[in-house]
Each structure stands twice: as structure tokens, then as C-alpha cells.
């Protein structure tokens, strides 16, 4: 008998550990992959995912009807950002550069990359660039929101994103995948 996500959530709110385990198993791979985009190592990604799920289950009673997966995703992203603030390994020291727009040739080359290749390229970015690139280009946050989340100015967020695009473009041209 297949149990709905809504039923699992309700059971988790009642403290049912089996329901929590089933919910975890449903989403663990997806959120580990999300954590990996922000982490420098697989061990860091595992830590982020585990801490994220811990917070999800600790706060599940505060979840109300809505987009449960989106709610969980937000917690995982915030945990990834907290991980680096706690660890004090961020590198934000780039000067503001003019925004570099991707040319049509660059976009068609990106279109030919597999998602795995693109993720490998993103993973090689310096930490600050990688985090801002993920938040802006993949998660869809605005530079103002990113600045607020990371304690940066909007301009620094834009600079980090610009630097990330420039580095990705260089690596694409050199075929550093």
C-alpha cells in the first residue's frame, strides 16, 4: 500500500519514526545532489544534507499546506549557506567587474554539455562564485536576496556572478570539463 506524502507528513508530525524514514528515503538523493552543488567535497555535502534533514524533521510541525518539496529545498539551501558561514571558508574578495553577458556561441556550447559536465564545471568555481552562481542562475534568487542571505552587498553578488560566468566561459573554451 502506497502512502501519500501528505500522510507521511501528518505521521511525522505525530512522531512516527517509520514515516520520517520513508520521507527521508523519498528525498535523500535529490537533496544530497542539491547539497553537492554548494559543497566543496562529498563529505561536506553529506553533512549539509544530514543537518538539513535534521532541521526539516525538527521543524516539520511548523510546515503548513503548500509546496512541501519547496519548503524542504529552502531549508537545505539555508543549511548549505550556514555551513560555510560557520566554517569561515568563504572567499568573497573580488572587485566589482562589469557584467559580462554570455554570447550566443557560449550558450550553444553550454546547451551541448550534459548536466553532469556542467555540474563538474560549476564545482570547480571558487566558493563565493559557486554559491552565488547556484543561488542566482539555478535557484532563481535575485542579487538583492542573495546579498541579504549571505550578508553581502547586491553589487558583490553581481560581481561574484559575473566572475563565475567569466570563469565558466574560459573553462568551456579550454574544454576543462
Protein backbone atom coordinates (compact mmCIF):
# COMPACT_ATOMS: atom_id res chain seq x y z
CA UNK A 1 0.00 0.00 0.00
CA UNK A 2 1.48 3.31 -1.11
CA UNK A 3 1.21 6.15 1.37
CA UNK A 4 0.86 9.75 0.16
CA UNK A 5 3.39 12.43 1.03
CA UNK A 6 0.65 14.29 2.91
CA UNK A 7 0.00 11.21 5.07
CA UNK A 8 3.72 10.79 5.73
CA UNK A 9 3.95 14.44 6.79
CA UNK A 10 0.98 14.02 9.13
CA UNK A 11 2.54 10.87 10.60
CA UNK A 12 5.91 12.61 11.02
CA UNK A 13 4.16 15.41 12.91
CA UNK A 14 2.82 12.73 15.28
CA UNK A 15 6.37 11.45 15.87
CA UNK A 16 6.14 8.31 13.74
CA UNK A 17 9.79 7.40 13.06
CA UNK A 18 8.92 5.00 10.22
CA UNK A 19 7.12 7.80 8.40
CA UNK A 20 10.14 10.06 8.89
CA UNK A 21 12.40 7.37 7.46
CA UNK A 22 10.15 6.88 4.41
CA UNK A 23 10.03 10.63 3.80
CA UNK A 24 13.81 10.82 4.12
CA UNK A 25 14.26 7.95 1.66
CA UNK A 26 11.96 9.66 -0.84
CA UNK A 27 14.02 12.86 -0.91
CA UNK A 28 17.55 11.97 0.23
CA UNK A 29 19.09 11.62 -3.26
CA UNK A 30 17.52 14.81 -4.59
CA UNK A 31 18.66 16.90 -1.63
CA UNK A 32 22.09 15.29 -1.47
CA UNK A 33 22.52 16.37 -5.12
CA UNK A 34 21.38 19.87 -4.17
CA UNK A 35 23.85 19.93 -1.27
CA UNK A 36 26.62 18.76 -3.57
CA UNK A 37 26.17 21.84 -5.75
CA UNK A 38 27.07 24.03 -2.79
CA UNK A 39 29.67 21.82 -1.12
CA UNK A 40 33.35 21.61 -1.84
CA UNK A 41 33.55 17.89 -1.04
CA UNK A 42 31.19 14.94 -0.88
CA UNK A 43 31.72 14.80 2.89
CA UNK A 44 30.59 18.43 3.17
CA UNK A 45 27.55 17.64 1.01
CA UNK A 46 26.66 14.74 3.29
CA UNK A 47 26.98 16.99 6.35
CA UNK A 48 24.81 19.66 4.74
CA UNK A 49 22.13 17.14 3.73
CA UNK A 50 22.08 15.46 7.14
CA UNK A 51 21.90 18.77 9.00
CA UNK A 52 19.22 19.95 6.57
CA UNK A 53 17.09 16.86 7.15
CA UNK A 54 17.59 17.20 10.89
CA UNK A 55 16.16 20.73 10.68
CA UNK A 56 13.34 19.56 8.42
CA UNK A 57 12.20 16.94 10.92
CA UNK A 58 12.79 19.24 13.90
CA UNK A 59 10.59 21.91 12.29
CA UNK A 60 8.06 19.73 10.49
CA UNK A 61 5.30 20.87 12.85
CA UNK A 62 5.73 24.41 11.51
CA UNK A 63 5.05 23.24 7.93
CA UNK A 64 1.54 24.00 6.77
CA UNK A 65 -0.12 23.09 3.49
CA UNK A 66 1.78 24.25 0.46
CA UNK A 67 4.78 23.16 -1.54
CA UNK A 68 6.47 20.69 0.81
CA UNK A 69 9.38 19.99 -1.50
CA UNK A 70 9.99 23.73 -1.92
CA UNK A 71 9.87 24.18 1.85
CA UNK A 72 12.46 21.43 2.30
CA UNK A 73 14.63 22.81 -0.51
CA UNK A 74 14.75 26.20 1.17
CA UNK A 75 15.91 24.59 4.43
CA UNK A 76 18.66 22.63 2.62
CA UNK A 77 19.88 25.76 0.80
CA UNK A 78 19.93 27.76 4.03
CA UNK A 79 21.82 24.93 5.72
CA UNK A 80 24.40 24.94 2.90
CA UNK A 81 24.89 28.67 3.35
CA UNK A 82 25.08 28.34 7.14
CA UNK A 83 27.64 25.56 6.75
CA UNK A 84 30.04 27.94 5.05
CA UNK A 85 29.37 30.85 7.39
CA UNK A 86 30.11 28.59 10.38
CA UNK A 87 33.16 27.12 8.72
CA UNK A 88 34.55 30.56 7.76
CA UNK A 89 35.83 29.28 4.43
CA UNK A 90 34.11 31.81 2.15
CA UNK A 91 36.08 33.80 -0.37
CA UNK A 92 34.26 36.97 -1.34
CA UNK A 93 37.19 39.23 -2.18
CA UNK A 94 36.58 40.02 -5.84
CA UNK A 95 36.37 43.58 -7.05
CA UNK A 96 33.29 44.66 -8.95
CA UNK A 97 33.58 43.89 -12.64
CA UNK A 98 31.24 44.95 -15.40
CA UNK A 99 28.52 42.43 -16.07
CA UNK A 100 29.67 40.06 -18.82
CA UNK A 101 26.82 38.81 -20.94
CA UNK A 102 27.08 35.36 -22.44
CA UNK A 103 27.26 35.40 -26.20
CA UNK A 104 25.12 33.15 -28.37
CA UNK A 105 28.12 30.93 -29.14
CA UNK A 106 28.72 30.36 -25.44
CA UNK A 107 25.08 29.45 -24.88
CA UNK A 108 25.02 26.93 -27.71
CA UNK A 109 28.18 25.33 -26.30
CA UNK A 110 26.53 25.16 -22.87
CA UNK A 111 23.48 23.57 -24.48
CA UNK A 112 25.71 20.76 -25.72
CA UNK A 113 27.03 19.98 -22.23
CA UNK A 114 25.43 17.29 -20.17
CA UNK A 115 24.12 18.34 -16.77
CA UNK A 116 26.87 16.24 -15.20
CA UNK A 117 29.56 18.11 -17.15
CA UNK A 118 28.04 21.46 -16.22
CA UNK A 119 27.88 20.49 -12.54
CA UNK A 120 31.56 19.48 -12.69
CA UNK A 121 32.45 22.87 -14.14
CA UNK A 122 30.40 24.71 -11.51
CA UNK A 123 32.03 22.64 -8.75
CA UNK A 124 35.47 23.96 -9.77
CA UNK A 125 34.47 27.60 -9.23
CA UNK A 126 35.86 29.45 -6.21
CA UNK A 127 33.49 29.09 -3.29
CA UNK A 128 31.93 32.57 -3.36
CA UNK A 129 31.37 32.43 -7.12
CA UNK A 130 29.93 28.91 -6.93
CA UNK A 131 27.44 29.75 -4.21
CA UNK A 132 26.23 32.95 -5.88
CA UNK A 133 26.05 31.23 -9.28
CA UNK A 134 23.92 28.42 -7.82
CA UNK A 135 21.61 30.80 -5.99
CA UNK A 136 21.13 33.17 -8.95
CA UNK A 137 21.33 31.00 -12.08
CA UNK A 138 19.95 27.72 -10.75
CA UNK A 139 17.74 28.56 -7.77
CA UNK A 140 16.44 31.86 -9.21
CA UNK A 141 17.12 34.19 -6.28
CA UNK A 142 17.68 37.89 -7.07
CA UNK A 143 21.01 39.55 -6.29
CA UNK A 144 19.28 41.55 -3.56
CA UNK A 145 18.00 38.33 -1.95
CA UNK A 146 21.42 36.68 -2.27
CA UNK A 147 23.07 39.69 -0.69
CA UNK A 148 20.67 39.53 2.22
CA UNK A 149 21.14 35.77 2.69
CA UNK A 150 24.93 35.95 2.59
CA UNK A 151 25.48 39.32 4.23
CA UNK A 152 26.87 40.82 1.02
CA UNK A 153 26.05 43.90 -0.96
CA UNK A 154 23.96 43.43 -4.08
CA UNK A 155 26.96 44.65 -6.08
CA UNK A 156 29.21 41.97 -4.59
CA UNK A 157 26.65 39.33 -5.53
CA UNK A 158 26.57 40.66 -9.09
CA UNK A 159 30.37 40.71 -9.16
CA UNK A 160 30.60 37.11 -7.95
CA UNK A 161 28.08 36.02 -10.58
CA UNK A 162 29.95 37.91 -13.29
CA UNK A 163 33.21 36.29 -12.22
CA UNK A 164 31.56 32.85 -12.22
CA UNK A 165 30.27 33.37 -15.78
CA UNK A 166 33.69 34.53 -16.90
CA UNK A 167 35.43 31.52 -15.36
CA UNK A 168 32.85 29.12 -16.81
CA UNK A 169 33.28 30.70 -20.23
CA UNK A 170 37.08 30.32 -20.00
CA UNK A 171 36.79 26.68 -18.96
CA UNK A 172 34.29 25.97 -21.67
CA UNK A 173 36.60 27.42 -24.29
CA UNK A 174 39.50 25.38 -22.91
CA UNK A 175 37.24 22.32 -22.56
CA UNK A 176 38.15 21.94 -18.90
CA UNK A 177 35.35 19.55 -18.08
